[in-house]
Amino acid sequence: IIMGYAQGDELVQNTNAYYRSTYVMVSKKGSGLDGVETIEDPKLADKKIGIVGGTPPSANMATAGLMKNAKNYPLMVDTRFAPSMAEVMIKDMLDGVIDVAILWGPMAGYYARESGADLTIVPLIKEKTGSRMVYRITMGVRPSDQEWKRTLNKVIRENQEEINKILFEYNVPLIDEQNKPITQ
């Protein structure tokens, strides 16, 4: 089983999605970014933006002409030797190295909560152009493991409430099929 696999990749058989989440923008409350809901917002034009290179939001930032102000963070980090890029990005924002962090919601939610700071997390669900920001997350199994896939789908279906509870405990932003935030 590959946990946390974005639906739609043909390399594996995907189970049914057990959650749906999105990339987000994280900023300090009162930083002048209140009301910003899209990467294209003019309020971001002069802000130093933390972004993980090669991710969907980086393409949208390039289209919006924001890469000149970007601080790129690595997509892959060996956390045996270095902290998670999400942890570093949130710390950099709190230290004033960047003004706003744009990253995958589950990582952002966790490290924003762990920071203990008063932060705003905005799901990027209103992007009108560029790459999609919202993904269904599944488990991946080998294409030949149809019975295993059916078993996992049953486990997901029967335990969705408990799965959501765990995701909420880790501050994962959950989005329904109409792109509305799911709350507890």
C-alpha atoms as a PDB file:
ATOM      1  CA  ILE A   1       0.000   0.000   0.000  1.00  0.00           C
ATOM      2  CA  ILE A   2       1.170   3.502  -0.788  1.00  0.00           C
ATOM      3  CA  MET A   3      -0.546   5.891   1.602  1.00  0.00           C
ATOM      4  CA  GLY A   4      -1.360   9.447   0.615  1.00  0.00           C
ATOM      5  CA  TYR A   5      -1.443   8.883  -3.148  1.00  0.00           C
ATOM      6  CA  ALA A   6      -3.069  11.528  -5.355  1.00  0.00           C
ATOM      7  CA  GLN A   7      -5.916  10.027  -7.369  1.00  0.00           C
ATOM      8  CA  GLY A   8      -5.447   9.783 -11.104  1.00  0.00           C
ATOM      9  CA  ASP A   9      -1.956   8.368 -11.502  1.00  0.00           C
ATOM     10  CA  GLU A  10      -2.070   5.273 -13.677  1.00  0.00           C
ATOM     11  CA  LEU A  11       1.017   3.678 -12.107  1.00  0.00           C
ATOM     12  CA  VAL A  12      -1.147   2.178  -9.351  1.00  0.00           C
ATOM     13  CA  GLN A  13      -4.741   1.222  -8.713  1.00  0.00           C
ATOM     14  CA  ASN A  14      -6.250   3.912  -6.516  1.00  0.00           C
ATOM     15  CA  THR A  15      -8.589   3.076  -3.691  1.00  0.00           C
ATOM     16  CA  ASN A  16     -11.527   5.370  -3.130  1.00  0.00           C
ATOM     17  CA  ALA A  17     -10.354   8.702  -1.795  1.00  0.00           C
ATOM     18  CA  TYR A  18     -10.237   8.901   1.985  1.00  0.00           C
ATOM     19  CA  TYR A  19      -9.830  12.665   1.970  1.00  0.00           C
ATOM     20  CA  ARG A  20      -9.688  15.666  -0.333  1.00  0.00           C
ATOM     21  CA  SER A  21      -7.372  18.566   0.375  1.00  0.00           C
ATOM     22  CA  THR A  22      -5.767  21.557  -1.269  1.00  0.00           C
ATOM     23  CA  TYR A  23      -2.705  23.725  -1.442  1.00  0.00           C
ATOM     24  CA  VAL A  24      -2.960  26.707   0.909  1.00  0.00           C
ATOM     25  CA  MET A  25      -1.501  30.127   1.663  1.00  0.00           C
ATOM     26  CA  VAL A  26      -0.298  30.697   5.202  1.00  0.00           C
ATOM     27  CA  SER A  27       0.376  34.139   6.617  1.00  0.00           C
ATOM     28  CA  LYS A  28       0.515  35.907   9.950  1.00  0.00           C
ATOM     29  CA  LYS A  29      -2.775  37.428  10.995  1.00  0.00           C
ATOM     30  CA  GLY A  30      -2.654  41.199  10.582  1.00  0.00           C
ATOM     31  CA  SER A  31       0.108  41.040   7.954  1.00  0.00           C
ATOM     32  CA  GLY A  32      -1.897  42.944   5.345  1.00  0.00           C
ATOM     33  CA  LEU A  33      -2.896  39.792   3.518  1.00  0.00           C
ATOM     34  CA  ASP A  34      -6.366  39.476   5.018  1.00  0.00           C
ATOM     35  CA  GLY A  35      -8.853  38.688   2.269  1.00  0.00           C
ATOM     36  CA  VAL A  36      -6.258  37.302  -0.154  1.00  0.00           C
ATOM     37  CA  GLU A  37      -7.744  34.114  -1.603  1.00  0.00           C
ATOM     38  CA  THR A  38      -5.854  33.581  -4.864  1.00  0.00           C
ATOM     39  CA  ILE A  39      -2.266  33.613  -6.045  1.00  0.00           C
ATOM     40  CA  GLU A  40      -3.211  36.288  -8.602  1.00  0.00           C
ATOM     41  CA  ASP A  41      -4.242  38.790  -5.895  1.00  0.00           C
ATOM     42  CA  PRO A  42      -2.382  42.118  -6.411  1.00  0.00           C
ATOM     43  CA  LYS A  43      -1.625  42.266  -2.663  1.00  0.00           C
ATOM     44  CA  LEU A  44       0.999  39.552  -3.260  1.00  0.00           C
ATOM     45  CA  ALA A  45       2.903  41.551  -5.911  1.00  0.00           C
ATOM     46  CA  ASP A  46       5.533  42.930  -3.513  1.00  0.00           C
ATOM     47  CA  LYS A  47       5.538  40.110  -0.958  1.00  0.00           C
ATOM     48  CA  LYS A  48       8.306  37.571  -0.459  1.00  0.00           C
ATOM     49  CA  ILE A  49       6.580  34.242  -1.104  1.00  0.00           C
ATOM     50  CA  GLY A  50       7.800  30.852   0.030  1.00  0.00           C
ATOM     51  CA  ILE A  51       7.057  28.127  -2.517  1.00  0.00           C
ATOM     52  CA  VAL A  52       8.081  24.537  -3.096  1.00  0.00           C
ATOM     53  CA  GLY A  53       9.620  24.367  -6.555  1.00  0.00           C
ATOM     54  CA  GLY A  54       7.915  22.070  -9.019  1.00  0.00           C
ATOM     55  CA  THR A  55       4.527  22.070  -7.278  1.00  0.00           C
ATOM     56  CA  PRO A  56       1.269  23.230  -8.892  1.00  0.00           C
ATOM     57  CA  PRO A  57       1.203  26.611  -7.098  1.00  0.00           C
ATOM     58  CA  SER A  58       4.657  27.460  -8.465  1.00  0.00           C
ATOM     59  CA  ALA A  59       3.232  27.300 -12.014  1.00  0.00           C
ATOM     60  CA  ASN A  60       0.429  29.669 -11.001  1.00  0.00           C
ATOM     61  CA  MET A  61       2.951  32.007  -9.387  1.00  0.00           C
ATOM     62  CA  ALA A  62       5.011  32.049 -12.582  1.00  0.00           C
ATOM     63  CA  THR A  63       1.916  32.901 -14.630  1.00  0.00           C
ATOM     64  CA  ALA A  64       1.110  35.719 -12.185  1.00  0.00           C
ATOM     65  CA  GLY A  65       4.673  37.081 -12.450  1.00  0.00           C
ATOM     66  CA  LEU A  66       5.466  36.387  -8.801  1.00  0.00           C
ATOM     67  CA  MET A  67       8.586  34.231  -9.132  1.00  0.00           C
ATOM     68  CA  LYS A  68      10.840  37.299  -8.881  1.00  0.00           C
ATOM     69  CA  ASN A  69       9.837  37.497  -5.202  1.00  0.00           C
ATOM     70  CA  ALA A  70       9.894  33.766  -4.558  1.00  0.00           C
ATOM     71  CA  LYS A  71      12.049  31.916  -2.080  1.00  0.00           C
ATOM     72  CA  ASN A  72      12.194  28.358  -3.341  1.00  0.00           C
ATOM     73  CA  TYR A  73      12.160  25.412  -0.959  1.00  0.00           C
ATOM     74  CA  PRO A  74      13.124  21.881  -1.984  1.00  0.00           C
ATOM     75  CA  LEU A  75      10.430  19.398  -2.922  1.00  0.00           C
ATOM     76  CA  MET A  76      12.331  16.475  -1.432  1.00  0.00           C
ATOM     77  CA  VAL A  77      14.040  16.562   1.950  1.00  0.00           C
ATOM     78  CA  ASP A  78      15.581  13.641   3.808  1.00  0.00           C
ATOM     79  CA  THR A  79      14.086  14.365   7.226  1.00  0.00           C
ATOM     80  CA  ARG A  80      16.650  12.080   8.864  1.00  0.00           C
ATOM     81  CA  PHE A  81      19.170  14.859   8.269  1.00  0.00           C
ATOM     82  CA  ALA A  82      17.143  18.066   7.859  1.00  0.00           C
ATOM     83  CA  PRO A  83      13.772  19.366   9.013  1.00  0.00           C
ATOM     84  CA  SER A  84      10.760  19.189   6.720  1.00  0.00           C
ATOM     85  CA  MET A  85      10.622  21.977   4.150  1.00  0.00           C
ATOM     86  CA  ALA A  86       7.140  22.800   5.477  1.00  0.00           C
ATOM     87  CA  GLU A  87       8.510  23.254   8.989  1.00  0.00           C
ATOM     88  CA  VAL A  88      11.331  25.441   7.658  1.00  0.00           C
ATOM     89  CA  MET A  89       8.946  27.497   5.533  1.00  0.00           C
ATOM     90  CA  ILE A  90       6.591  28.224   8.452  1.00  0.00           C
ATOM     91  CA  LYS A  91       9.572  29.132  10.663  1.00  0.00           C
ATOM     92  CA  ASP A  92      10.947  31.429   7.945  1.00  0.00           C
ATOM     93  CA  MET A  93       7.568  33.157   7.732  1.00  0.00           C
ATOM     94  CA  LEU A  94       7.467  33.671  11.482  1.00  0.00           C
ATOM     95  CA  ASP A  95      11.048  35.011  11.385  1.00  0.00           C
ATOM     96  CA  GLY A  96      10.229  37.468   8.565  1.00  0.00           C
ATOM     97  CA  VAL A  97      12.328  35.758   5.888  1.00  0.00           C
ATOM     98  CA  ILE A  98       9.154  35.372   3.806  1.00  0.00           C
ATOM     99  CA  ASP A  99       5.761  37.085   4.076  1.00  0.00           C
ATOM    100  CA  VAL A 100       3.580  34.191   3.000  1.00  0.00           C
ATOM    101  CA  ALA A 101       4.015  30.445   2.563  1.00  0.00           C
ATOM    102  CA  ILE A 102       2.281  28.505  -0.205  1.00  0.00           C
ATOM    103  CA  LEU A 103       2.367  24.761   0.298  1.00  0.00           C
ATOM    104  CA  TRP A 104       0.417  21.521   0.476  1.00  0.00           C
ATOM    105  CA  GLY A 105      -2.410  21.927   2.988  1.00  0.00           C
ATOM    106  CA  PRO A 106      -1.852  18.844   5.165  1.00  0.00           C
ATOM    107  CA  MET A 107       1.768  19.846   5.800  1.00  0.00           C
ATOM    108  CA  ALA A 108       0.900  23.520   6.243  1.00  0.00           C
ATOM    109  CA  GLY A 109      -1.913  22.785   8.669  1.00  0.00           C
ATOM    110  CA  TYR A 110       0.233  20.584  10.862  1.00  0.00           C
ATOM    111  CA  TYR A 111       3.251  22.897  11.083  1.00  0.00           C
ATOM    112  CA  ALA A 112       1.112  26.039  11.416  1.00  0.00           C
ATOM    113  CA  ARG A 113      -0.601  24.494  14.433  1.00  0.00           C
ATOM    114  CA  GLU A 114       2.681  23.243  15.889  1.00  0.00           C
ATOM    115  CA  SER A 115       4.163  26.750  15.644  1.00  0.00           C
ATOM    116  CA  GLY A 116       1.644  28.052  18.179  1.00  0.00           C
ATOM    117  CA  ALA A 117       1.463  31.342  16.241  1.00  0.00           C
ATOM    118  CA  ASP A 118      -1.704  33.157  15.204  1.00  0.00           C
ATOM    119  CA  LEU A 119      -1.729  32.268  11.502  1.00  0.00           C
ATOM    120  CA  THR A 120      -4.255  32.417   8.695  1.00  0.00           C
ATOM    121  CA  ILE A 121      -4.552  29.371   6.454  1.00  0.00           C
ATOM    122  CA  VAL A 122      -6.367  30.048   3.182  1.00  0.00           C
ATOM    123  CA  PRO A 123      -7.285  27.070   0.989  1.00  0.00           C
ATOM    124  CA  LEU A 124      -6.464  27.818  -2.655  1.00  0.00           C
ATOM    125  CA  ILE A 125      -9.875  26.776  -3.946  1.00  0.00           C
ATOM    126  CA  LYS A 126     -10.629  29.946  -5.931  1.00  0.00           C
ATOM    127  CA  GLU A 127      -7.813  29.787  -8.488  1.00  0.00           C
ATOM    128  CA  LYS A 128      -9.307  30.541 -11.902  1.00  0.00           C
ATOM    129  CA  THR A 129      -6.328  29.697 -14.120  1.00  0.00           C
ATOM    130  CA  GLY A 130      -3.304  27.444 -14.063  1.00  0.00           C
ATOM    131  CA  SER A 131      -2.790  24.186 -12.246  1.00  0.00           C
ATOM    132  CA  ARG A 132      -5.424  22.615 -10.066  1.00  0.00           C
ATOM    133  CA  MET A 133      -4.873  22.963  -6.345  1.00  0.00           C
ATOM    134  CA  VAL A 134      -7.333  20.391  -4.938  1.00  0.00           C
ATOM    135  CA  TYR A 135      -6.635  16.656  -4.924  1.00  0.00           C
ATOM    136  CA  ARG A 136      -8.406  13.494  -3.823  1.00  0.00           C
ATOM    137  CA  ILE A 137      -6.030  11.412  -1.726  1.00  0.00           C
ATOM    138  CA  THR A 138      -6.156   7.634  -1.943  1.00  0.00           C
ATOM    139  CA  MET A 139      -4.082   4.602  -1.191  1.00  0.00           C
ATOM    140  CA  GLY A 140      -2.268   3.041  -4.127  1.00  0.00           C
ATOM    141  CA  VAL A 141      -2.069  -0.709  -4.678  1.00  0.00           C
ATOM    142  CA  ARG A 142      -0.587  -2.849  -7.448  1.00  0.00           C
ATOM    143  CA  PRO A 143      -2.854  -3.067 -10.500  1.00  0.00           C
ATOM    144  CA  SER A 144      -3.179  -6.833  -9.959  1.00  0.00           C
ATOM    145  CA  ASP A 145      -4.432  -6.445  -6.354  1.00  0.00           C
ATOM    146  CA  GLN A 146      -8.144  -5.918  -7.026  1.00  0.00           C
ATOM    147  CA  GLU A 147      -9.290  -7.846  -3.956  1.00  0.00           C
ATOM    148  CA  TRP A 148      -6.947  -5.827  -1.722  1.00  0.00           C
ATOM    149  CA  LYS A 149      -8.322  -2.620  -3.257  1.00  0.00           C
ATOM    150  CA  ARG A 150     -11.908  -3.736  -2.493  1.00  0.00           C
ATOM    151  CA  THR A 151     -10.921  -4.567   1.087  1.00  0.00           C
ATOM    152  CA  LEU A 152      -9.318  -1.156   1.572  1.00  0.00           C
ATOM    153  CA  ASN A 153     -12.341   0.596   0.039  1.00  0.00           C
ATOM    154  CA  LYS A 154     -14.548  -1.183   2.580  1.00  0.00           C
ATOM    155  CA  VAL A 155     -12.242  -0.122   5.428  1.00  0.00           C
ATOM    156  CA  ILE A 156     -12.326   3.497   4.207  1.00  0.00           C
ATOM    157  CA  ARG A 157     -16.128   3.484   3.819  1.00  0.00           C
ATOM    158  CA  GLU A 158     -16.714   1.969   7.264  1.00  0.00           C
ATOM    159  CA  ASN A 159     -14.202   4.205   9.041  1.00  0.00           C
ATOM    160  CA  GLN A 160     -14.508   7.575   7.259  1.00  0.00           C
ATOM    161  CA  GLU A 161     -15.691   9.384  10.396  1.00  0.00           C
ATOM    162  CA  GLU A 162     -12.684   8.128  12.367  1.00  0.00           C
ATOM    163  CA  ILE A 163     -10.331   8.932   9.487  1.00  0.00           C
ATOM    164  CA  ASN A 164     -11.660  12.504   9.386  1.00  0.00           C
ATOM    165  CA  LYS A 165     -11.202  12.783  13.147  1.00  0.00           C
ATOM    166  CA  ILE A 166      -7.519  11.862  12.824  1.00  0.00           C
ATOM    167  CA  LEU A 167      -7.058  14.302   9.943  1.00  0.00           C
ATOM    168  CA  PHE A 168      -8.682  17.093  11.991  1.00  0.00           C
ATOM    169  CA  GLU A 169      -6.352  16.285  14.913  1.00  0.00           C
ATOM    170  CA  TYR A 170      -3.437  17.003  12.576  1.00  0.00           C
ATOM    171  CA  ASN A 171      -5.078  20.208  11.293  1.00  0.00           C
ATOM    172  CA  VAL A 172      -5.426  18.891   7.739  1.00  0.00           C
ATOM    173  CA  PRO A 173      -7.659  21.191   5.666  1.00  0.00           C
ATOM    174  CA  LEU A 174     -10.427  18.986   4.278  1.00  0.00           C
ATOM    175  CA  ILE A 175     -12.427  20.041   1.221  1.00  0.00           C
ATOM    176  CA  ASP A 176     -15.710  18.491   0.031  1.00  0.00           C
ATOM    177  CA  GLU A 177     -16.605  17.779  -3.595  1.00  0.00           C
ATOM    178  CA  GLN A 178     -18.041  21.312  -3.980  1.00  0.00           C
ATOM    179  CA  ASN A 179     -14.734  22.847  -2.752  1.00  0.00           C
ATOM    180  CA  LYS A 180     -16.243  23.841   0.574  1.00  0.00           C
ATOM    181  CA  PRO A 181     -14.186  23.353   3.736  1.00  0.00           C
ATOM    182  CA  ILE A 182     -15.255  20.423   5.890  1.00  0.00           C
ATOM    183  CA  THR A 183     -15.349  21.329   9.561  1.00  0.00           C
ATOM    184  CA  GLN A 184     -15.627  19.183  12.640  1.00  0.00           C
END
